[in-house]
Amino acid sequence: MEKKSYPLWIPSAGRSLEAKFTGEEDFRDLRVFTFKVSEHDLDIGTQPETGLPQVLDIVVDLKVEPVSGVTVRSESVKTVKIVPMPGMKTPVYVSSMKPTDDTITDLVDTARNARTGLLWARVRGFWLGIGLGIVLTLVGVLGAMRTRPSEVG
């Protein structure tokens, strides 16, 4: 994962919105990248019951472990408003979601384990692959030398 913005699918918006990279920080002894989605007055069609236009305000804060890509914390506030007349917006649904501490602990553990596994595979896996290639080459050369027909003189 790089220090840049990424598209993030937001079901309530019915489309991807830009999750902007906002920085790095230490979160529960784990280095994470932080991202933010912040959009206001997004047109999301009409309310089925009334036919009135609807708009969406949404703010999502994400913390992501950059090696594994595991999201270790996601907090969002979503407000759906109807527009009964131009210039007037009435909230009809407000939602604030954040994970429990137990969930965050599980996500941080998952990120640590995945990060360790990926780093191990990157460094040691490369050298194990080189070593295995050398061994197989030697076995092939030795096998070819043993099975070569001898010259009768």
Protein backbone atom coordinates (compact mmCIF):
# COMPACT_ATOMS: atom_id res chain seq x y z
CA MET A 1 0.00 0.00 0.00
CA GLU A 2 1.26 3.42 -0.92
CA LYS A 3 0.79 6.87 0.56
CA LYS A 4 -1.93 7.95 -1.86
CA SER A 5 -5.71 8.17 -2.17
CA TYR A 6 -7.77 5.09 -3.04
CA PRO A 7 -11.33 4.57 -4.24
CA LEU A 8 -13.51 3.06 -1.51
CA TRP A 9 -16.90 1.55 -2.31
CA ILE A 10 -19.60 3.14 -0.15
CA PRO A 11 -22.83 1.15 -0.49
CA SER A 12 -25.08 3.94 0.81
CA ALA A 13 -23.65 6.30 -1.83
CA GLY A 14 -24.00 3.66 -4.54
CA ARG A 15 -20.51 4.41 -5.80
CA SER A 16 -16.83 4.65 -4.92
CA LEU A 17 -15.65 7.70 -3.05
CA GLU A 18 -12.09 8.90 -2.60
CA ALA A 19 -10.38 7.79 0.61
CA LYS A 20 -7.69 10.44 0.94
CA PHE A 21 -4.37 9.56 2.57
CA THR A 22 -4.04 11.80 5.64
CA GLY A 23 -0.88 10.51 7.31
CA GLU A 24 0.85 7.85 9.36
CA GLU A 25 0.60 7.10 13.06
CA ASP A 26 1.24 4.46 15.67
CA PHE A 27 -1.94 2.66 16.69
CA ARG A 28 -1.66 0.04 19.44
CA ASP A 29 2.07 -0.37 18.74
CA LEU A 30 1.43 -0.86 15.02
CA ARG A 31 2.41 1.61 12.30
CA VAL A 32 -0.69 2.47 10.22
CA PHE A 33 -1.70 4.72 7.35
CA THR A 34 -4.75 6.91 7.96
CA PHE A 35 -7.38 7.70 5.34
CA LYS A 36 -10.50 9.85 5.34
CA VAL A 37 -13.62 9.96 3.20
CA SER A 38 -15.59 13.17 3.67
CA GLU A 39 -18.44 13.99 1.30
CA HIS A 40 -21.46 16.21 1.79
CA ASP A 41 -24.73 16.61 -0.08
CA LEU A 42 -24.18 13.66 -2.41
CA ASP A 43 -27.24 13.06 -4.57
CA ILE A 44 -28.50 9.53 -3.83
CA GLY A 45 -31.79 9.63 -5.72
CA THR A 46 -35.26 9.91 -4.28
CA GLN A 47 -36.86 8.48 -1.18
CA PRO A 48 -39.13 5.62 -2.33
CA GLU A 49 -42.00 6.43 0.06
CA THR A 50 -42.28 10.15 -0.70
CA GLY A 51 -40.46 10.65 -4.00
CA LEU A 52 -38.49 13.50 -2.40
CA PRO A 53 -34.84 13.99 -3.37
CA GLN A 54 -32.27 12.58 -0.93
CA VAL A 55 -28.70 13.63 -0.19
CA LEU A 56 -26.00 11.89 1.82
CA ASP A 57 -23.34 13.26 4.17
CA ILE A 58 -20.67 10.70 5.03
CA VAL A 59 -17.40 10.78 6.96
CA VAL A 60 -15.26 7.63 7.23
CA ASP A 61 -11.96 7.46 9.11
CA LEU A 62 -9.76 4.43 8.38
CA LYS A 63 -6.55 3.09 9.87
CA VAL A 64 -4.81 0.53 7.65
CA GLU A 65 -1.66 -1.52 8.27
CA PRO A 66 0.25 -0.81 5.02
CA VAL A 67 2.15 -4.10 4.50
CA SER A 68 -0.83 -6.44 4.84
CA GLY A 69 -3.55 -3.96 3.87
CA VAL A 70 -5.63 -4.96 6.90
CA THR A 71 -7.99 -2.24 8.15
CA VAL A 72 -7.53 -2.13 11.93
CA ARG A 73 -10.08 0.60 12.65
CA SER A 74 -12.95 2.11 10.69
CA GLU A 75 -15.30 4.71 12.08
CA SER A 76 -18.12 6.28 10.09
CA VAL A 77 -20.91 8.80 10.45
CA LYS A 78 -23.62 8.79 7.80
CA THR A 79 -26.59 11.15 7.49
CA VAL A 80 -29.36 10.76 4.91
CA LYS A 81 -31.45 13.89 4.38
CA ILE A 82 -34.54 14.56 2.31
CA VAL A 83 -34.97 17.82 0.43
CA PRO A 84 -38.65 18.82 0.77
CA MET A 85 -37.99 22.17 -0.89
CA PRO A 86 -34.92 23.90 -2.36
CA GLY A 87 -32.51 25.04 0.36
CA MET A 88 -34.13 22.90 3.05
CA LYS A 89 -32.64 19.56 4.13
CA THR A 90 -34.22 17.38 6.82
CA PRO A 91 -32.25 14.47 8.33
CA VAL A 92 -34.21 11.23 8.21
CA TYR A 93 -31.43 8.79 9.13
CA VAL A 94 -28.24 9.25 11.14
CA SER A 95 -25.80 6.41 11.75
CA SER A 96 -22.55 6.39 13.71
CA MET A 97 -20.55 3.17 13.62
CA LYS A 98 -17.27 2.14 15.17
CA PRO A 99 -15.88 -1.26 16.17
CA THR A 100 -15.70 -2.55 19.74
CA ASP A 101 -12.36 -2.80 21.54
CA ASP A 102 -12.44 -6.60 21.17
CA THR A 103 -12.89 -6.28 17.42
CA ILE A 104 -10.04 -3.79 17.18
CA THR A 105 -7.79 -6.14 19.17
CA ASP A 106 -8.63 -9.00 16.78
CA LEU A 107 -8.00 -6.81 13.72
CA VAL A 108 -4.64 -5.59 15.08
CA ASP A 109 -3.62 -9.21 15.78
CA THR A 110 -4.66 -10.20 12.26
CA ALA A 111 -2.64 -7.33 10.79
CA ARG A 112 0.44 -8.23 12.84
CA ASN A 113 0.24 -11.91 11.84
CA ALA A 114 -0.33 -11.11 8.17
CA ARG A 115 2.48 -8.53 8.20
CA THR A 116 4.90 -11.00 9.78
CA GLY A 117 3.96 -13.70 7.28
CA LEU A 118 4.33 -11.38 4.29
CA LEU A 119 7.67 -10.00 5.45
CA TRP A 120 8.93 -13.54 6.10
CA ALA A 121 7.81 -14.65 2.65
CA ARG A 122 9.37 -11.61 0.98
CA VAL A 123 12.81 -11.91 2.53
CA ARG A 124 13.29 -15.53 3.46
CA GLY A 125 11.09 -16.83 0.67
CA PHE A 126 13.34 -15.16 -1.89
CA TRP A 127 16.47 -16.76 -0.47
CA LEU A 128 14.77 -20.13 -0.03
CA GLY A 129 13.78 -19.98 -3.69
CA ILE A 130 17.36 -19.20 -4.73
CA GLY A 131 18.69 -22.05 -2.55
CA LEU A 132 16.14 -24.51 -3.91
CA GLY A 133 17.04 -23.48 -7.46
CA ILE A 134 20.74 -24.12 -6.80
CA VAL A 135 20.03 -27.52 -5.22
CA LEU A 136 17.80 -28.59 -8.12
CA THR A 137 20.41 -27.43 -10.64
CA LEU A 138 23.12 -29.46 -8.88
CA VAL A 139 20.88 -32.53 -8.70
CA GLY A 140 20.15 -32.20 -12.41
CA VAL A 141 23.84 -31.83 -13.34
CA LEU A 142 24.89 -34.75 -11.14
CA GLY A 143 22.04 -36.89 -12.48
CA ALA A 144 23.04 -36.08 -16.06
CA MET A 145 26.68 -36.97 -15.32
CA ARG A 146 25.74 -40.35 -13.80
CA THR A 147 23.48 -41.36 -16.63
CA ARG A 148 25.85 -40.32 -19.43
CA PRO A 149 26.91 -43.38 -21.45
CA SER A 150 30.55 -44.25 -21.04
CA GLU A 151 32.79 -44.43 -24.07
CA VAL A 152 34.09 -47.87 -25.06
CA GLY A 153 37.65 -47.70 -26.26
